[in-house]
Amino acid sequence: MITIDDFQILPFNKQCDFITVFADYLAYRIEEEKKYYLYAMENYFVEVAYLPTEGKVLEINAFHDINEIEMYLDFIDISDLIR
């Protein structure tokens, strides 16, 4: 797995490829006409902003700060983890 610093310097299309292959999907949220997808990497998170009406990724944001996932907490289902 690559570090957050190495991920951030990848070209945009390579970031998209890397997320598709190596990231674990966690949740999504909708804000106005955009969808935001949250993924987990080994030591950081990645948020992808997607515009469905145009079928394109607008922005990719990688971060460490756990507080930045707060807006996703209502959408993450952990029921499979509870025994």
C-alpha atoms as a PDB file:
ATOM      1  CA  MET A   1       0.000   0.000   0.000  1.00  0.00           C
ATOM      2  CA  ILE A   2       1.227   3.504  -0.680  1.00  0.00           C
ATOM      3  CA  THR A   3       1.415   6.345   1.803  1.00  0.00           C
ATOM      4  CA  ILE A   4      -0.970   9.279   1.742  1.00  0.00           C
ATOM      5  CA  ASP A   5       1.841  11.510   0.451  1.00  0.00           C
ATOM      6  CA  ASP A   6       2.553   9.156  -2.453  1.00  0.00           C
ATOM      7  CA  PHE A   7      -1.173   8.853  -3.198  1.00  0.00           C
ATOM      8  CA  GLN A   8      -1.622  12.620  -3.306  1.00  0.00           C
ATOM      9  CA  ILE A   9       1.090  13.110  -5.930  1.00  0.00           C
ATOM     10  CA  LEU A  10      -0.364  10.498  -8.272  1.00  0.00           C
ATOM     11  CA  PRO A  11      -2.066  11.888 -11.381  1.00  0.00           C
ATOM     12  CA  PHE A  12      -5.844  12.166 -11.005  1.00  0.00           C
ATOM     13  CA  ASN A  13      -6.626   9.160 -13.245  1.00  0.00           C
ATOM     14  CA  LYS A  14      -4.096   7.007 -11.353  1.00  0.00           C
ATOM     15  CA  GLN A  15      -5.731   7.985  -8.048  1.00  0.00           C
ATOM     16  CA  CYS A  16      -9.070   6.798  -9.474  1.00  0.00           C
ATOM     17  CA  ASP A  17      -7.480   3.501 -10.559  1.00  0.00           C
ATOM     18  CA  PHE A  18      -5.796   3.018  -7.189  1.00  0.00           C
ATOM     19  CA  ILE A  19      -9.054   3.577  -5.292  1.00  0.00           C
ATOM     20  CA  THR A  20     -10.883   1.100  -7.517  1.00  0.00           C
ATOM     21  CA  VAL A  21      -8.321  -1.634  -6.885  1.00  0.00           C
ATOM     22  CA  PHE A  22      -7.077  -1.083  -3.324  1.00  0.00           C
ATOM     23  CA  ALA A  23      -9.564   0.991  -1.298  1.00  0.00           C
ATOM     24  CA  ASP A  24     -12.351  -0.354   0.895  1.00  0.00           C
ATOM     25  CA  TYR A  25     -15.689   1.366   0.347  1.00  0.00           C
ATOM     26  CA  LEU A  26     -17.302   2.601   3.581  1.00  0.00           C
ATOM     27  CA  ALA A  27     -20.252   4.876   2.810  1.00  0.00           C
ATOM     28  CA  TYR A  28     -21.658   7.636   0.690  1.00  0.00           C
ATOM     29  CA  ARG A  29     -23.632  10.795   1.219  1.00  0.00           C
ATOM     30  CA  ILE A  30     -25.514  13.155  -1.068  1.00  0.00           C
ATOM     31  CA  GLU A  31     -25.124  16.911  -0.930  1.00  0.00           C
ATOM     32  CA  GLU A  32     -27.026  18.978  -3.467  1.00  0.00           C
ATOM     33  CA  GLU A  33     -26.433  17.225  -6.797  1.00  0.00           C
ATOM     34  CA  LYS A  34     -23.123  15.630  -5.824  1.00  0.00           C
ATOM     35  CA  LYS A  35     -22.419  12.242  -4.292  1.00  0.00           C
ATOM     36  CA  TYR A  36     -19.489  11.846  -1.934  1.00  0.00           C
ATOM     37  CA  TYR A  37     -18.009   8.390  -1.449  1.00  0.00           C
ATOM     38  CA  LEU A  38     -15.814   7.515   1.517  1.00  0.00           C
ATOM     39  CA  TYR A  39     -13.107   4.878   1.211  1.00  0.00           C
ATOM     40  CA  ALA A  40     -10.564   3.501   3.671  1.00  0.00           C
ATOM     41  CA  MET A  41      -6.985   2.855   2.755  1.00  0.00           C
ATOM     42  CA  GLU A  42      -4.505   1.193   5.082  1.00  0.00           C
ATOM     43  CA  ASN A  43      -3.658   4.323   7.106  1.00  0.00           C
ATOM     44  CA  TYR A  44      -5.902   7.060   5.723  1.00  0.00           C
ATOM     45  CA  PHE A  45      -9.275   7.846   4.190  1.00  0.00           C
ATOM     46  CA  VAL A  46     -10.205   9.032   0.722  1.00  0.00           C
ATOM     47  CA  GLU A  47     -13.301  11.008  -0.215  1.00  0.00           C
ATOM     48  CA  VAL A  48     -14.407  11.058  -3.848  1.00  0.00           C
ATOM     49  CA  ALA A  49     -16.780  13.766  -5.083  1.00  0.00           C
ATOM     50  CA  TYR A  50     -18.874  12.532  -8.015  1.00  0.00           C
ATOM     51  CA  LEU A  51     -21.371  14.361 -10.212  1.00  0.00           C
ATOM     52  CA  PRO A  52     -23.928  11.789 -11.460  1.00  0.00           C
ATOM     53  CA  THR A  53     -25.516  14.117 -14.018  1.00  0.00           C
ATOM     54  CA  GLU A  54     -22.200  14.345 -15.851  1.00  0.00           C
ATOM     55  CA  GLY A  55     -20.917  10.895 -14.889  1.00  0.00           C
ATOM     56  CA  LYS A  56     -17.579  12.178 -13.694  1.00  0.00           C
ATOM     57  CA  VAL A  57     -15.384  12.384 -10.634  1.00  0.00           C
ATOM     58  CA  LEU A  58     -14.866  16.005  -9.637  1.00  0.00           C
ATOM     59  CA  GLU A  59     -12.414  15.763  -6.775  1.00  0.00           C
ATOM     60  CA  ILE A  60     -10.434  13.292  -4.682  1.00  0.00           C
ATOM     61  CA  ASN A  61      -9.414  14.222  -1.141  1.00  0.00           C
ATOM     62  CA  ALA A  62      -7.136  12.028   1.001  1.00  0.00           C
ATOM     63  CA  PHE A  63      -6.886  12.681   4.741  1.00  0.00           C
ATOM     64  CA  HIS A  64      -5.888  11.227   8.116  1.00  0.00           C
ATOM     65  CA  ASP A  65      -8.151  13.242  10.409  1.00  0.00           C
ATOM     66  CA  ILE A  66     -10.877  10.922  11.751  1.00  0.00           C
ATOM     67  CA  ASN A  67     -13.048  13.972  12.484  1.00  0.00           C
ATOM     68  CA  GLU A  68     -13.529  14.461   8.736  1.00  0.00           C
ATOM     69  CA  ILE A  69     -15.623  11.286   8.511  1.00  0.00           C
ATOM     70  CA  GLU A  70     -18.175  12.555  11.032  1.00  0.00           C
ATOM     71  CA  MET A  71     -20.660  13.480   8.298  1.00  0.00           C
ATOM     72  CA  TYR A  72     -20.684   9.818   7.191  1.00  0.00           C
ATOM     73  CA  LEU A  73     -21.356   8.220  10.572  1.00  0.00           C
ATOM     74  CA  ASP A  74     -25.116   7.990  10.062  1.00  0.00           C
ATOM     75  CA  PHE A  75     -24.550   6.045   6.829  1.00  0.00           C
ATOM     76  CA  ILE A  76     -22.025   3.426   7.981  1.00  0.00           C
ATOM     77  CA  ASP A  77     -23.601   0.079   8.780  1.00  0.00           C
ATOM     78  CA  ILE A  78     -21.661  -1.920  11.374  1.00  0.00           C
ATOM     79  CA  SER A  79     -24.382  -4.479  12.071  1.00  0.00           C
ATOM     80  CA  ASP A  80     -22.298  -7.262  10.502  1.00  0.00           C
ATOM     81  CA  LEU A  81     -19.571  -6.534  13.062  1.00  0.00           C
ATOM     82  CA  ILE A  82     -21.844  -6.945  16.078  1.00  0.00           C
ATOM     83  CA  ARG A  83     -22.306 -10.462  17.415  1.00  0.00           C
END
